[in-house]
Amino acid sequence: MEITRALMKVDEKLVKNFFRVKQDSHITIDQELCKKSECKVCVRICPAGLYELNEDGKISVEYTGCLECGTCWISCPYKAIKWEYPSGGFGVQYRYG
């Protein structure tokens, strides 16, 4: 029996997404601004879990799985994250909205 879209869980819908990845990241982190803060909210708030605090105290991001929601950019109190939509034709393509 086929599961209809309405009955699918969010996780089931997200794995159906397609990503056309551009070589250059559409997300950049100003590490100098980030160092001034202990918050590291981006590590906790990204719904795709793309941010990571490295051993050297720097934040890294795996932009290729970005859901393009902008949560990281909006949430950073120090505006250390520069976020732009990927160029036309690149980024996430949602299958189930």
PDB file of N, CA and C in Angstrom:
ATOM      1  N   MET A   1       0.832  -1.175   0.000  1.00  0.00           N
ATOM      2  CA  MET A   1       0.000   0.000   0.000  1.00  0.00           C
ATOM      3  C   MET A   1       0.887   1.253   0.000  1.00  0.00           C
ATOM      4  N   GLU A   2       0.609   2.197  -0.888  1.00  0.00           N
ATOM      5  CA  GLU A   2       1.394   3.424  -1.009  1.00  0.00           C
ATOM      6  C   GLU A   2       0.948   4.451   0.024  1.00  0.00           C
ATOM      7  N   ILE A   3       1.935   5.071   0.666  1.00  0.00           N
ATOM      8  CA  ILE A   3       1.645   6.102   1.661  1.00  0.00           C
ATOM      9  C   ILE A   3       1.373   7.410   0.920  1.00  0.00           C
ATOM     10  N   THR A   4       0.299   8.057   1.244  1.00  0.00           N
ATOM     11  CA  THR A   4      -0.003   9.333   0.602  1.00  0.00           C
ATOM     12  C   THR A   4       0.819  10.440   1.236  1.00  0.00           C
ATOM     13  N   ARG A   5       0.946  11.530   0.508  1.00  0.00           N
ATOM     14  CA  ARG A   5       1.718  12.678   0.989  1.00  0.00           C
ATOM     15  C   ARG A   5       1.233  13.176   2.340  1.00  0.00           C
ATOM     16  N   ALA A   6      -0.054  13.207   2.528  1.00  0.00           N
ATOM     17  CA  ALA A   6      -0.624  13.738   3.768  1.00  0.00           C
ATOM     18  C   ALA A   6      -0.248  12.885   4.977  1.00  0.00           C
ATOM     19  N   LEU A   7      -0.023  11.597   4.778  1.00  0.00           N
ATOM     20  CA  LEU A   7       0.292  10.704   5.883  1.00  0.00           C
ATOM     21  C   LEU A   7       1.791  10.547   6.129  1.00  0.00           C
ATOM     22  N   MET A   8       2.600  11.082   5.230  1.00  0.00           N
ATOM     23  CA  MET A   8       4.050  10.956   5.382  1.00  0.00           C
ATOM     24  C   MET A   8       4.554  11.860   6.506  1.00  0.00           C
ATOM     25  N   LYS A   9       5.520  11.376   7.270  1.00  0.00           N
ATOM     26  CA  LYS A   9       6.156  12.175   8.310  1.00  0.00           C
ATOM     27  C   LYS A   9       7.154  13.122   7.640  1.00  0.00           C
ATOM     28  N   VAL A  10       7.514  14.175   8.337  1.00  0.00           N
ATOM     29  CA  VAL A  10       8.434  15.171   7.791  1.00  0.00           C
ATOM     30  C   VAL A  10       9.754  14.516   7.373  1.00  0.00           C
ATOM     31  N   ASP A  11      10.294  13.632   8.194  1.00  0.00           N
ATOM     32  CA  ASP A  11      11.551  12.967   7.860  1.00  0.00           C
ATOM     33  C   ASP A  11      11.438  12.172   6.566  1.00  0.00           C
ATOM     34  N   GLU A  12      10.309  11.548   6.363  1.00  0.00           N
ATOM     35  CA  GLU A  12      10.092  10.769   5.142  1.00  0.00           C
ATOM     36  C   GLU A  12      10.040  11.680   3.917  1.00  0.00           C
ATOM     37  N   LYS A  13       9.481  12.857   4.089  1.00  0.00           N
ATOM     38  CA  LYS A  13       9.418  13.816   2.983  1.00  0.00           C
ATOM     39  C   LYS A  13      10.797  14.395   2.670  1.00  0.00           C
ATOM     40  N   LEU A  14      11.563  14.704   3.716  1.00  0.00           N
ATOM     41  CA  LEU A  14      12.867  15.327   3.523  1.00  0.00           C
ATOM     42  C   LEU A  14      13.852  14.427   2.780  1.00  0.00           C
ATOM     43  N   VAL A  15      13.784  13.126   2.986  1.00  0.00           N
ATOM     44  CA  VAL A  15      14.721  12.238   2.279  1.00  0.00           C
ATOM     45  C   VAL A  15      14.421  12.151   0.789  1.00  0.00           C
ATOM     46  N   LYS A  16      13.275  12.623   0.380  1.00  0.00           N
ATOM     47  CA  LYS A  16      12.903  12.619  -1.031  1.00  0.00           C
ATOM     48  C   LYS A  16      13.423  13.860  -1.764  1.00  0.00           C
ATOM     49  N   ASN A  17      13.955  14.832  -1.022  1.00  0.00           N
ATOM     50  CA  ASN A  17      14.452  16.059  -1.636  1.00  0.00           C
ATOM     51  C   ASN A  17      15.632  15.761  -2.548  1.00  0.00           C
ATOM     52  N   PHE A  18      15.824  16.644  -3.515  1.00  0.00           N
ATOM     53  CA  PHE A  18      16.944  16.545  -4.443  1.00  0.00           C
ATOM     54  C   PHE A  18      17.805  17.785  -4.268  1.00  0.00           C
ATOM     55  N   PHE A  19      19.119  17.614  -4.220  1.00  0.00           N
ATOM     56  CA  PHE A  19      20.045  18.726  -4.068  1.00  0.00           C
ATOM     57  C   PHE A  19      20.928  18.819  -5.305  1.00  0.00           C
ATOM     58  N   ARG A  20      20.925  19.977  -5.937  1.00  0.00           N
ATOM     59  CA  ARG A  20      21.866  20.245  -7.024  1.00  0.00           C
ATOM     60  C   ARG A  20      22.874  21.217  -6.433  1.00  0.00           C
ATOM     61  N   VAL A  21      24.056  20.719  -6.167  1.00  0.00           N
ATOM     62  CA  VAL A  21      25.050  21.444  -5.383  1.00  0.00           C
ATOM     63  C   VAL A  21      25.989  22.242  -6.278  1.00  0.00           C
ATOM     64  N   LYS A  22      26.132  23.520  -5.924  1.00  0.00           N
ATOM     65  CA  LYS A  22      27.103  24.389  -6.575  1.00  0.00           C
ATOM     66  C   LYS A  22      28.426  24.222  -5.834  1.00  0.00           C
ATOM     67  N   GLN A  23      29.520  24.358  -6.537  1.00  0.00           N
ATOM     68  CA  GLN A  23      30.827  24.134  -5.923  1.00  0.00           C
ATOM     69  C   GLN A  23      31.127  25.132  -4.804  1.00  0.00           C
ATOM     70  N   ASP A  24      30.699  26.375  -4.973  1.00  0.00           N
ATOM     71  CA  ASP A  24      30.946  27.394  -3.955  1.00  0.00           C
ATOM     72  C   ASP A  24      29.790  27.447  -2.966  1.00  0.00           C
ATOM     73  N   SER A  25      30.135  27.579  -1.701  1.00  0.00           N
ATOM     74  CA  SER A  25      29.119  27.637  -0.651  1.00  0.00           C
ATOM     75  C   SER A  25      28.328  28.939  -0.703  1.00  0.00           C
ATOM     76  N   HIS A  26      27.065  28.856  -0.396  1.00  0.00           N
ATOM     77  CA  HIS A  26      26.214  30.042  -0.286  1.00  0.00           C
ATOM     78  C   HIS A  26      26.133  30.517   1.170  1.00  0.00           C
ATOM     79  N   ILE A  27      26.904  29.853   2.025  1.00  0.00           N
ATOM     80  CA  ILE A  27      26.959  30.210   3.444  1.00  0.00           C
ATOM     81  C   ILE A  27      28.415  30.461   3.818  1.00  0.00           C
ATOM     82  N   THR A  28      28.669  31.609   4.442  1.00  0.00           N
ATOM     83  CA  THR A  28      30.010  31.876   4.951  1.00  0.00           C
ATOM     84  C   THR A  28      29.898  32.300   6.411  1.00  0.00           C
ATOM     85  N   ILE A  29      30.909  31.957   7.173  1.00  0.00           N
ATOM     86  CA  ILE A  29      30.932  32.267   8.598  1.00  0.00           C
ATOM     87  C   ILE A  29      32.117  33.185   8.871  1.00  0.00           C
ATOM     88  N   ASP A  30      31.851  34.311   9.492  1.00  0.00           N
ATOM     89  CA  ASP A  30      32.912  35.216   9.913  1.00  0.00           C
ATOM     90  C   ASP A  30      33.438  34.676  11.248  1.00  0.00           C
ATOM     91  N   GLN A  31      34.529  33.954  11.185  1.00  0.00           N
ATOM     92  CA  GLN A  31      35.063  33.288  12.375  1.00  0.00           C
ATOM     93  C   GLN A  31      35.499  34.283  13.455  1.00  0.00           C
ATOM     94  N   GLU A  32      35.935  35.467  13.048  1.00  0.00           N
ATOM     95  CA  GLU A  32      36.340  36.488  14.026  1.00  0.00           C
ATOM     96  C   GLU A  32      35.143  36.954  14.858  1.00  0.00           C
ATOM     97  N   LEU A  33      34.027  37.221  14.185  1.00  0.00           N
ATOM     98  CA  LEU A  33      32.811  37.592  14.917  1.00  0.00           C
ATOM     99  C   LEU A  33      32.323  36.435  15.774  1.00  0.00           C
ATOM    100  N   CYS A  34      32.400  35.247  15.235  1.00  0.00           N
ATOM    101  CA  CYS A  34      31.917  34.059  15.936  1.00  0.00           C
ATOM    102  C   CYS A  34      32.729  33.778  17.202  1.00  0.00           C
ATOM    103  N   LYS A  35      34.023  34.038  17.148  1.00  0.00           N
ATOM    104  CA  LYS A  35      34.892  33.799  18.303  1.00  0.00           C
ATOM    105  C   LYS A  35      34.489  34.634  19.510  1.00  0.00           C
ATOM    106  N   LYS A  36      33.890  35.794  19.257  1.00  0.00           N
ATOM    107  CA  LYS A  36      33.507  36.702  20.334  1.00  0.00           C
ATOM    108  C   LYS A  36      32.324  36.176  21.143  1.00  0.00           C
ATOM    109  N   SER A  37      31.674  35.164  20.632  1.00  0.00           N
ATOM    110  CA  SER A  37      30.456  34.653  21.259  1.00  0.00           C
ATOM    111  C   SER A  37      30.625  33.210  21.701  1.00  0.00           C
ATOM    112  N   GLU A  38      30.008  32.882  22.768  1.00  0.00           N
ATOM    113  CA  GLU A  38      29.974  31.498  23.230  1.00  0.00           C
ATOM    114  C   GLU A  38      28.664  30.818  22.845  1.00  0.00           C
ATOM    115  N   CYS A  39      27.773  31.541  22.186  1.00  0.00           N
ATOM    116  CA  CYS A  39      26.423  31.016  21.947  1.00  0.00           C
ATOM    117  C   CYS A  39      26.402  29.818  20.996  1.00  0.00           C
ATOM    118  N   LYS A  40      27.060  29.924  19.856  1.00  0.00           N
ATOM    119  CA  LYS A  40      27.103  28.853  18.845  1.00  0.00           C
ATOM    120  C   LYS A  40      25.700  28.316  18.548  1.00  0.00           C
ATOM    121  N   VAL A  41      24.739  29.241  18.487  1.00  0.00           N
ATOM    122  CA  VAL A  41      23.339  28.866  18.280  1.00  0.00           C
ATOM    123  C   VAL A  41      23.141  28.102  16.976  1.00  0.00           C
ATOM    124  N   CYS A  42      23.948  28.380  15.965  1.00  0.00           N
ATOM    125  CA  CYS A  42      23.784  27.712  14.674  1.00  0.00           C
ATOM    126  C   CYS A  42      23.952  26.197  14.778  1.00  0.00           C
ATOM    127  N   VAL A  43      24.801  25.757  15.694  1.00  0.00           N
ATOM    128  CA  VAL A  43      25.032  24.316  15.875  1.00  0.00           C
ATOM    129  C   VAL A  43      23.765  23.633  16.373  1.00  0.00           C
ATOM    130  N   ARG A  44      23.020  24.328  17.208  1.00  0.00           N
ATOM    131  CA  ARG A  44      21.815  23.750  17.795  1.00  0.00           C
ATOM    132  C   ARG A  44      20.558  23.972  16.971  1.00  0.00           C
ATOM    133  N   ILE A  45      20.514  25.054  16.198  1.00  0.00           N
ATOM    134  CA  ILE A  45      19.241  25.454  15.606  1.00  0.00           C
ATOM    135  C   ILE A  45      19.037  24.971  14.170  1.00  0.00           C
ATOM    136  N   CYS A  46      20.082  24.648  13.461  1.00  0.00           N
ATOM    137  CA  CYS A  46      19.947  24.220  12.059  1.00  0.00           C
ATOM    138  C   CYS A  46      19.112  22.937  11.976  1.00  0.00           C
ATOM    139  N   PRO A  47      17.971  22.977  11.277  1.00  0.00           N
ATOM    140  CA  PRO A  47      17.124  21.784  11.212  1.00  0.00           C
ATOM    141  C   PRO A  47      17.766  20.613  10.467  1.00  0.00           C
ATOM    142  N   ALA A  48      18.752  20.903   9.632  1.00  0.00           N
ATOM    143  CA  ALA A  48      19.441  19.839   8.902  1.00  0.00           C
ATOM    144  C   ALA A  48      20.694  19.372   9.641  1.00  0.00           C
ATOM    145  N   GLY A  49      21.050  20.030  10.733  1.00  0.00           N
ATOM    146  CA  GLY A  49      22.224  19.640  11.524  1.00  0.00           C
ATOM    147  C   GLY A  49      23.530  19.808  10.777  1.00  0.00           C
ATOM    148  N   LEU A  50      23.668  20.897  10.025  1.00  0.00           N
ATOM    149  CA  LEU A  50      24.837  21.081   9.163  1.00  0.00           C
ATOM    150  C   LEU A  50      26.011  21.777   9.821  1.00  0.00           C
ATOM    151  N   TYR A  51      25.791  22.400  10.969  1.00  0.00           N
ATOM    152  CA  TYR A  51      26.856  23.150  11.645  1.00  0.00           C
ATOM    153  C   TYR A  51      27.530  22.287  12.699  1.00  0.00           C
ATOM    154  N   GLU A  52      28.841  22.496  12.833  1.00  0.00           N
ATOM    155  CA  GLU A  52      29.614  21.709  13.786  1.00  0.00           C
ATOM    156  C   GLU A  52      30.675  22.585  14.435  1.00  0.00           C
ATOM    157  N   LEU A  53      30.869  22.417  15.722  1.00  0.00           N
ATOM    158  CA  LEU A  53      31.930  23.108  16.445  1.00  0.00           C
ATOM    159  C   LEU A  53      33.153  22.208  16.426  1.00  0.00           C
ATOM    160  N   ASN A  54      34.211  22.680  15.768  1.00  0.00           N
ATOM    161  CA  ASN A  54      35.443  21.890  15.650  1.00  0.00           C
ATOM    162  C   ASN A  54      36.251  21.948  16.942  1.00  0.00           C
ATOM    163  N   GLU A  55      37.242  21.081  17.041  1.00  0.00           N
ATOM    164  CA  GLU A  55      38.095  21.041  18.224  1.00  0.00           C
ATOM    165  C   GLU A  55      38.841  22.349  18.447  1.00  0.00           C
ATOM    166  N   ASP A  56      39.126  23.057  17.354  1.00  0.00           N
ATOM    167  CA  ASP A  56      39.847  24.322  17.463  1.00  0.00           C
ATOM    168  C   ASP A  56      38.923  25.500  17.793  1.00  0.00           C
ATOM    169  N   GLY A  57      37.653  25.209  18.058  1.00  0.00           N
ATOM    170  CA  GLY A  57      36.704  26.238  18.452  1.00  0.00           C
ATOM    171  C   GLY A  57      36.031  26.961  17.298  1.00  0.00           C
ATOM    172  N   LYS A  58      36.320  26.560  16.077  1.00  0.00           N
ATOM    173  CA  LYS A  58      35.702  27.188  14.905  1.00  0.00           C
ATOM    174  C   LYS A  58      34.454  26.418  14.492  1.00  0.00           C
ATOM    175  N   ILE A  59      33.531  27.150  13.892  1.00  0.00           N
ATOM    176  CA  ILE A  59      32.302  26.553  13.375  1.00  0.00           C
ATOM    177  C   ILE A  59      32.519  26.206  11.906  1.00  0.00           C
ATOM    178  N   SER A  60      32.118  25.020  11.529  1.00  0.00           N
ATOM    179  CA  SER A  60      32.139  24.648  10.110  1.00  0.00           C
ATOM    180  C   SER A  60      30.717  24.291   9.699  1.00  0.00           C
ATOM    181  N   VAL A  61      30.463  24.400   8.393  1.00  0.00           N
ATOM    182  CA  VAL A  61      29.127  24.112   7.878  1.00  0.00           C
ATOM    183  C   VAL A  61      29.248  23.248   6.632  1.00  0.00           C
ATOM    184  N   GLU A  62      28.410  22.237   6.550  1.00  0.00           N
ATOM    185  CA  GLU A  62      28.332  21.362   5.380  1.00  0.00           C
ATOM    186  C   GLU A  62      27.160  21.861   4.541  1.00  0.00           C
ATOM    187  N   TYR A  63      27.432  22.843   3.700  1.00  0.00           N
ATOM    188  CA  TYR A  63      26.374  23.566   2.983  1.00  0.00           C
ATOM    189  C   TYR A  63      25.607  22.714   1.980  1.00  0.00           C
ATOM    190  N   THR A  64      26.142  21.588   1.578  1.00  0.00           N
ATOM    191  CA  THR A  64      25.517  20.806   0.510  1.00  0.00           C
ATOM    192  C   THR A  64      24.152  20.235   0.887  1.00  0.00           C
ATOM    193  N   GLY A  65      23.850  20.139   2.173  1.00  0.00           N
ATOM    194  CA  GLY A  65      22.557  19.617   2.604  1.00  0.00           C
ATOM    195  C   GLY A  65      21.613  20.699   3.114  1.00  0.00           C
ATOM    196  N   CYS A  66      21.932  21.950   2.802  1.00  0.00           N
ATOM    197  CA  CYS A  66      21.154  23.085   3.309  1.00  0.00           C
ATOM    198  C   CYS A  66      19.717  23.053   2.796  1.00  0.00           C
ATOM    199  N   LEU A  67      18.773  23.249   3.715  1.00  0.00           N
ATOM    200  CA  LEU A  67      17.353  23.282   3.370  1.00  0.00           C
ATOM    201  C   LEU A  67      16.882  24.676   2.964  1.00  0.00           C
ATOM    202  N   GLU A  68      17.795  25.654   3.002  1.00  0.00           N
ATOM    203  CA  GLU A  68      17.541  27.029   2.566  1.00  0.00           C
ATOM    204  C   GLU A  68      16.438  27.726   3.357  1.00  0.00           C
ATOM    205  N   CYS A  69      16.369  27.430   4.632  1.00  0.00           N
ATOM    206  CA  CYS A  69      15.347  28.053   5.470  1.00  0.00           C
ATOM    207  C   CYS A  69      15.808  29.393   6.044  1.00  0.00           C
ATOM    208  N   GLY A  70      17.128  29.585   6.164  1.00  0.00           N
ATOM    209  CA  GLY A  70      17.671  30.831   6.688  1.00  0.00           C
ATOM    210  C   GLY A  70      17.673  30.931   8.199  1.00  0.00           C
ATOM    211  N   THR A  71      17.332  29.862   8.879  1.00  0.00           N
ATOM    212  CA  THR A  71      17.262  29.882  10.343  1.00  0.00           C
ATOM    213  C   THR A  71      18.599  30.273  10.965  1.00  0.00           C
ATOM    214  N   CYS A  72      19.691  29.762  10.436  1.00  0.00           N
ATOM    215  CA  CYS A  72      21.017  30.062  10.972  1.00  0.00           C
ATOM    216  C   CYS A  72      21.311  31.555  10.888  1.00  0.00           C
ATOM    217  N   TRP A  73      21.040  32.124   9.741  1.00  0.00           N
ATOM    218  CA  TRP A  73      21.308  33.539   9.479  1.00  0.00           C
ATOM    219  C   TRP A  73      20.459  34.439  10.382  1.00  0.00           C
ATOM    220  N   ILE A  74      19.198  34.106  10.508  1.00  0.00           N
ATOM    221  CA  ILE A  74      18.275  34.898  11.325  1.00  0.00           C
ATOM    222  C   ILE A  74      18.626  34.795  12.810  1.00  0.00           C
ATOM    223  N   SER A  75      19.074  33.635  13.247  1.00  0.00           N
ATOM    224  CA  SER A  75      19.286  33.366  14.672  1.00  0.00           C
ATOM    225  C   SER A  75      20.617  33.850  15.223  1.00  0.00           C
ATOM    226  N   CYS A  76      21.587  34.083  14.362  1.00  0.00           N
ATOM    227  CA  CYS A  76      22.919  34.470  14.848  1.00  0.00           C
ATOM    228  C   CYS A  76      22.878  35.894  15.411  1.00  0.00           C
ATOM    229  N   PRO A  77      23.069  36.047  16.728  1.00  0.00           N
ATOM    230  CA  PRO A  77      22.963  37.369  17.341  1.00  0.00           C
ATOM    231  C   PRO A  77      24.098  38.315  16.942  1.00  0.00           C
ATOM    232  N   TYR A  78      25.206  37.769  16.448  1.00  0.00           N
ATOM    233  CA  TYR A  78      26.362  38.585  16.074  1.00  0.00           C
ATOM    234  C   TYR A  78      26.466  38.794  14.563  1.00  0.00           C
ATOM    235  N   LYS A  79      25.485  38.269  13.843  1.00  0.00           N
ATOM    236  CA  LYS A  79      25.473  38.377  12.371  1.00  0.00           C
ATOM    237  C   LYS A  79      26.782  37.868  11.761  1.00  0.00           C
ATOM    238  N   ALA A  80      27.279  36.775  12.322  1.00  0.00           N
ATOM    239  CA  ALA A  80      28.525  36.174  11.843  1.00  0.00           C
ATOM    240  C   ALA A  80      28.297  35.263  10.642  1.00  0.00           C
ATOM    241  N   ILE A  81      27.038  35.002  10.306  1.00  0.00           N
ATOM    242  CA  ILE A  81      26.716  34.123   9.187  1.00  0.00           C
ATOM    243  C   ILE A  81      26.188  34.952   8.028  1.00  0.00           C
ATOM    244  N   LYS A  82      26.830  34.791   6.888  1.00  0.00           N
ATOM    245  CA  LYS A  82      26.326  35.409   5.665  1.00  0.00           C
ATOM    246  C   LYS A  82      25.675  34.282   4.865  1.00  0.00           C
ATOM    247  N   TRP A  83      24.416  34.455   4.579  1.00  0.00           N
ATOM    248  CA  TRP A  83      23.626  33.415   3.911  1.00  0.00           C
ATOM    249  C   TRP A  83      22.908  34.018   2.726  1.00  0.00           C
ATOM    250  N   GLU A  84      22.991  33.361   1.586  1.00  0.00           N
ATOM    251  CA  GLU A  84      22.284  33.795   0.382  1.00  0.00           C
ATOM    252  C   GLU A  84      21.662  32.562  -0.255  1.00  0.00           C
ATOM    253  N   TYR A  85      20.602  32.782  -1.004  1.00  0.00           N
ATOM    254  CA  TYR A  85      20.057  31.659  -1.765  1.00  0.00           C
ATOM    255  C   TYR A  85      21.084  31.240  -2.802  1.00  0.00           C
ATOM    256  N   PRO A  86      21.208  29.945  -3.084  1.00  0.00           N
ATOM    257  CA  PRO A  86      22.111  29.511  -4.147  1.00  0.00           C
ATOM    258  C   PRO A  86      21.658  30.088  -5.497  1.00  0.00           C
ATOM    259  N   SER A  87      22.574  30.156  -6.428  1.00  0.00           N
ATOM    260  CA  SER A  87      22.256  30.642  -7.773  1.00  0.00           C
ATOM    261  C   SER A  87      21.127  29.816  -8.364  1.00  0.00           C
ATOM    262  N   GLY A  88      20.422  30.410  -9.321  1.00  0.00           N
ATOM    263  CA  GLY A  88      19.306  29.736  -9.982  1.00  0.00           C
ATOM    264  C   GLY A  88      19.663  28.343 -10.474  1.00  0.00           C
ATOM    265  N   GLY A  89      18.782  27.409 -10.183  1.00  0.00           N
ATOM    266  CA  GLY A  89      18.994  26.028 -10.603  1.00  0.00           C
ATOM    267  C   GLY A  89      19.787  25.192  -9.615  1.00  0.00           C
ATOM    268  N   PHE A  90      20.367  25.832  -8.597  1.00  0.00           N
ATOM    269  CA  PHE A  90      21.145  25.113  -7.593  1.00  0.00           C
ATOM    270  C   PHE A  90      20.397  25.125  -6.263  1.00  0.00           C
ATOM    271  N   GLY A  91      20.806  24.228  -5.381  1.00  0.00           N
ATOM    272  CA  GLY A  91      20.216  24.153  -4.051  1.00  0.00           C
ATOM    273  C   GLY A  91      19.227  23.013  -3.948  1.00  0.00           C
ATOM    274  N   VAL A  92      18.364  23.121  -2.966  1.00  0.00           N
ATOM    275  CA  VAL A  92      17.402  22.056  -2.677  1.00  0.00           C
ATOM    276  C   VAL A  92      16.184  22.180  -3.587  1.00  0.00           C
ATOM    277  N   GLN A  93      15.694  21.042  -4.003  1.00  0.00           N
ATOM    278  CA  GLN A  93      14.434  20.974  -4.738  1.00  0.00           C
ATOM    279  C   GLN A  93      13.525  20.047  -3.941  1.00  0.00           C
ATOM    280  N   TYR A  94      12.491  20.648  -3.355  1.00  0.00           N
ATOM    281  CA  TYR A  94      11.578  19.889  -2.508  1.00  0.00           C
ATOM    282  C   TYR A  94      10.610  19.089  -3.366  1.00  0.00           C
ATOM    283  N   ARG A  95      10.467  17.823  -3.054  1.00  0.00           N
ATOM    284  CA  ARG A  95       9.500  16.992  -3.761  1.00  0.00           C
ATOM    285  C   ARG A  95       8.116  17.094  -3.158  1.00  0.00           C
ATOM    286  N   TYR A  96       8.070  17.306  -1.857  1.00  0.00           N
ATOM    287  CA  TYR A  96       6.781  17.330  -1.168  1.00  0.00           C
ATOM    288  C   TYR A  96       6.531  18.634  -0.432  1.00  0.00           C
ATOM    289  N   GLY A  97       7.060  19.721  -0.943  1.00  0.00           N
ATOM    290  CA  GLY A  97       6.798  21.053  -0.407  1.00  0.00           C
ATOM    291  C   GLY A  97       7.308  21.377   0.930  1.00  0.00           C
TER     292      GLY A  97
END
